[in-house]
Amino acid sequence: MGLADTLVFLEANFGDPVSPSELASRAGLTPVRFARLIKRIFTLTPSQLITLTRLSGASRLLEDTEKSVAEVALACGFYDHSAFTRAFVQPPV
């Protein structure tokens, strides 16, 4: 799996537990090389990219469903409502 496939995987599975090292492994890269590529392409760290991908998915769910904020937070990989709210109000960029 290459970098593009890994990014598609992240977009499709943003609610699942995923780590930067897991994404690097999926891309066939070392964690350091993966981090450098992500930083060069997106000007974000891999962790920031994961969080922003989750927030993007959460925005879609909040707009398109009747789910509560707490339900959306859990569906998007946030483990509590307050962490989700903090990330949503103050994105990591």
C-alpha atoms as a PDB file:
ATOM      1  CA  MET A   1       0.000   0.000   0.000  1.00  0.00           C
ATOM      2  CA  GLY A   2       1.415   3.401  -0.892  1.00  0.00           C
ATOM      3  CA  LEU A   3       0.993   6.819   0.674  1.00  0.00           C
ATOM      4  CA  ALA A   4      -2.092   7.692  -1.391  1.00  0.00           C
ATOM      5  CA  ASP A   5      -3.778   4.397  -0.449  1.00  0.00           C
ATOM      6  CA  THR A   6      -2.925   5.031   3.189  1.00  0.00           C
ATOM      7  CA  LEU A   7      -4.563   8.448   3.085  1.00  0.00           C
ATOM      8  CA  VAL A   8      -7.674   6.902   1.500  1.00  0.00           C
ATOM      9  CA  PHE A   9      -7.645   4.300   4.284  1.00  0.00           C
ATOM     10  CA  LEU A  10      -7.473   7.053   6.914  1.00  0.00           C
ATOM     11  CA  GLU A  11     -10.374   8.925   5.324  1.00  0.00           C
ATOM     12  CA  ALA A  12     -12.486   5.760   5.234  1.00  0.00           C
ATOM     13  CA  ASN A  13     -11.580   4.608   8.758  1.00  0.00           C
ATOM     14  CA  PHE A  14     -11.152   7.855  10.697  1.00  0.00           C
ATOM     15  CA  GLY A  15     -13.346   6.577  13.544  1.00  0.00           C
ATOM     16  CA  ASP A  16     -11.169   3.547  14.211  1.00  0.00           C
ATOM     17  CA  PRO A  17      -8.162   3.629  16.520  1.00  0.00           C
ATOM     18  CA  VAL A  18      -5.234   4.498  14.275  1.00  0.00           C
ATOM     19  CA  SER A  19      -1.723   5.688  15.070  1.00  0.00           C
ATOM     20  CA  PRO A  20       0.897   7.470  12.997  1.00  0.00           C
ATOM     21  CA  SER A  21       3.124   4.379  13.189  1.00  0.00           C
ATOM     22  CA  GLU A  22       0.288   2.169  11.904  1.00  0.00           C
ATOM     23  CA  LEU A  23      -0.251   4.537   8.977  1.00  0.00           C
ATOM     24  CA  ALA A  24       3.490   4.547   8.256  1.00  0.00           C
ATOM     25  CA  SER A  25       3.502   0.763   8.224  1.00  0.00           C
ATOM     26  CA  ARG A  26       0.511   0.685   5.851  1.00  0.00           C
ATOM     27  CA  ALA A  27       2.349   3.094   3.551  1.00  0.00           C
ATOM     28  CA  GLY A  28       5.459   0.905   3.625  1.00  0.00           C
ATOM     29  CA  LEU A  29       7.519   3.673   5.212  1.00  0.00           C
ATOM     30  CA  THR A  30       9.398   4.131   8.434  1.00  0.00           C
ATOM     31  CA  PRO A  31       7.594   6.377  10.930  1.00  0.00           C
ATOM     32  CA  VAL A  32      10.239   9.071  10.475  1.00  0.00           C
ATOM     33  CA  ARG A  33       9.992   9.011   6.664  1.00  0.00           C
ATOM     34  CA  PHE A  34       6.185   9.011   6.862  1.00  0.00           C
ATOM     35  CA  ALA A  35       6.229  11.991   9.226  1.00  0.00           C
ATOM     36  CA  ARG A  36       8.566  13.927   6.929  1.00  0.00           C
ATOM     37  CA  LEU A  37       6.383  13.272   3.879  1.00  0.00           C
ATOM     38  CA  ILE A  38       3.189  14.230   5.695  1.00  0.00           C
ATOM     39  CA  LYS A  39       4.848  17.385   7.025  1.00  0.00           C
ATOM     40  CA  ARG A  40       6.118  18.306   3.548  1.00  0.00           C
ATOM     41  CA  ILE A  41       2.781  17.656   1.828  1.00  0.00           C
ATOM     42  CA  PHE A  42       0.299  18.933   4.421  1.00  0.00           C
ATOM     43  CA  THR A  43       2.469  21.041   6.765  1.00  0.00           C
ATOM     44  CA  LEU A  44       1.008  18.928   9.578  1.00  0.00           C
ATOM     45  CA  THR A  45       2.309  16.188  11.808  1.00  0.00           C
ATOM     46  CA  PRO A  46       0.739  12.757  11.295  1.00  0.00           C
ATOM     47  CA  SER A  47      -1.169  13.157  14.579  1.00  0.00           C
ATOM     48  CA  GLN A  48      -2.532  16.506  13.451  1.00  0.00           C
ATOM     49  CA  LEU A  49      -3.582  14.952  10.139  1.00  0.00           C
ATOM     50  CA  ILE A  50      -5.436  12.167  11.959  1.00  0.00           C
ATOM     51  CA  THR A  51      -7.208  14.686  14.200  1.00  0.00           C
ATOM     52  CA  LEU A  52      -8.180  16.952  11.317  1.00  0.00           C
ATOM     53  CA  THR A  53      -9.460  13.976   9.319  1.00  0.00           C
ATOM     54  CA  ARG A  54     -11.599  12.987  12.298  1.00  0.00           C
ATOM     55  CA  LEU A  55     -12.876  16.542  12.716  1.00  0.00           C
ATOM     56  CA  SER A  56     -13.786  16.689   9.035  1.00  0.00           C
ATOM     57  CA  GLY A  57     -15.759  13.473   9.379  1.00  0.00           C
ATOM     58  CA  ALA A  58     -17.408  14.800  12.517  1.00  0.00           C
ATOM     59  CA  SER A  59     -18.479  17.967  10.712  1.00  0.00           C
ATOM     60  CA  ARG A  60     -20.149  15.880   8.026  1.00  0.00           C
ATOM     61  CA  LEU A  61     -21.918  13.721  10.611  1.00  0.00           C
ATOM     62  CA  LEU A  62     -23.124  16.737  12.584  1.00  0.00           C
ATOM     63  CA  GLU A  63     -24.550  18.306   9.431  1.00  0.00           C
ATOM     64  CA  ASP A  64     -25.980  15.168   7.817  1.00  0.00           C
ATOM     65  CA  THR A  65     -27.318  13.134  10.751  1.00  0.00           C
ATOM     66  CA  GLU A  66     -29.422  13.569  13.840  1.00  0.00           C
ATOM     67  CA  LYS A  67     -26.728  12.101  16.078  1.00  0.00           C
ATOM     68  CA  SER A  68     -25.883  13.888  19.295  1.00  0.00           C
ATOM     69  CA  VAL A  69     -22.502  15.529  19.754  1.00  0.00           C
ATOM     70  CA  ALA A  70     -21.480  12.742  22.123  1.00  0.00           C
ATOM     71  CA  GLU A  71     -22.450  10.066  19.572  1.00  0.00           C
ATOM     72  CA  VAL A  72     -20.527  11.850  16.830  1.00  0.00           C
ATOM     73  CA  ALA A  73     -17.490  12.209  19.109  1.00  0.00           C
ATOM     74  CA  LEU A  74     -17.413   8.467  19.784  1.00  0.00           C
ATOM     75  CA  ALA A  75     -18.058   7.589  16.131  1.00  0.00           C
ATOM     76  CA  CYS A  76     -15.107   9.731  15.078  1.00  0.00           C
ATOM     77  CA  GLY A  77     -12.538   8.219  17.402  1.00  0.00           C
ATOM     78  CA  PHE A  78     -12.702  10.686  20.273  1.00  0.00           C
ATOM     79  CA  TYR A  79     -12.943   8.967  23.617  1.00  0.00           C
ATOM     80  CA  ASP A  80     -14.836  11.645  25.454  1.00  0.00           C
ATOM     81  CA  HIS A  81     -17.102  14.545  24.684  1.00  0.00           C
ATOM     82  CA  SER A  82     -14.797  17.190  26.170  1.00  0.00           C
ATOM     83  CA  ALA A  83     -11.742  16.122  24.131  1.00  0.00           C
ATOM     84  CA  PHE A  84     -13.879  16.292  20.998  1.00  0.00           C
ATOM     85  CA  THR A  85     -15.219  19.723  21.901  1.00  0.00           C
ATOM     86  CA  ARG A  86     -11.720  21.070  22.592  1.00  0.00           C
ATOM     87  CA  ALA A  87     -10.397  19.710  19.302  1.00  0.00           C
ATOM     88  CA  PHE A  88     -13.422  20.975  17.385  1.00  0.00           C
ATOM     89  CA  VAL A  89     -13.202  24.490  18.864  1.00  0.00           C
ATOM     90  CA  GLN A  90      -9.424  24.709  18.587  1.00  0.00           C
ATOM     91  CA  PRO A  91      -8.149  22.486  15.735  1.00  0.00           C
ATOM     92  CA  PRO A  92      -4.495  21.417  15.987  1.00  0.00           C
ATOM     93  CA  VAL A  93      -3.107  23.755  13.334  1.00  0.00           C
END
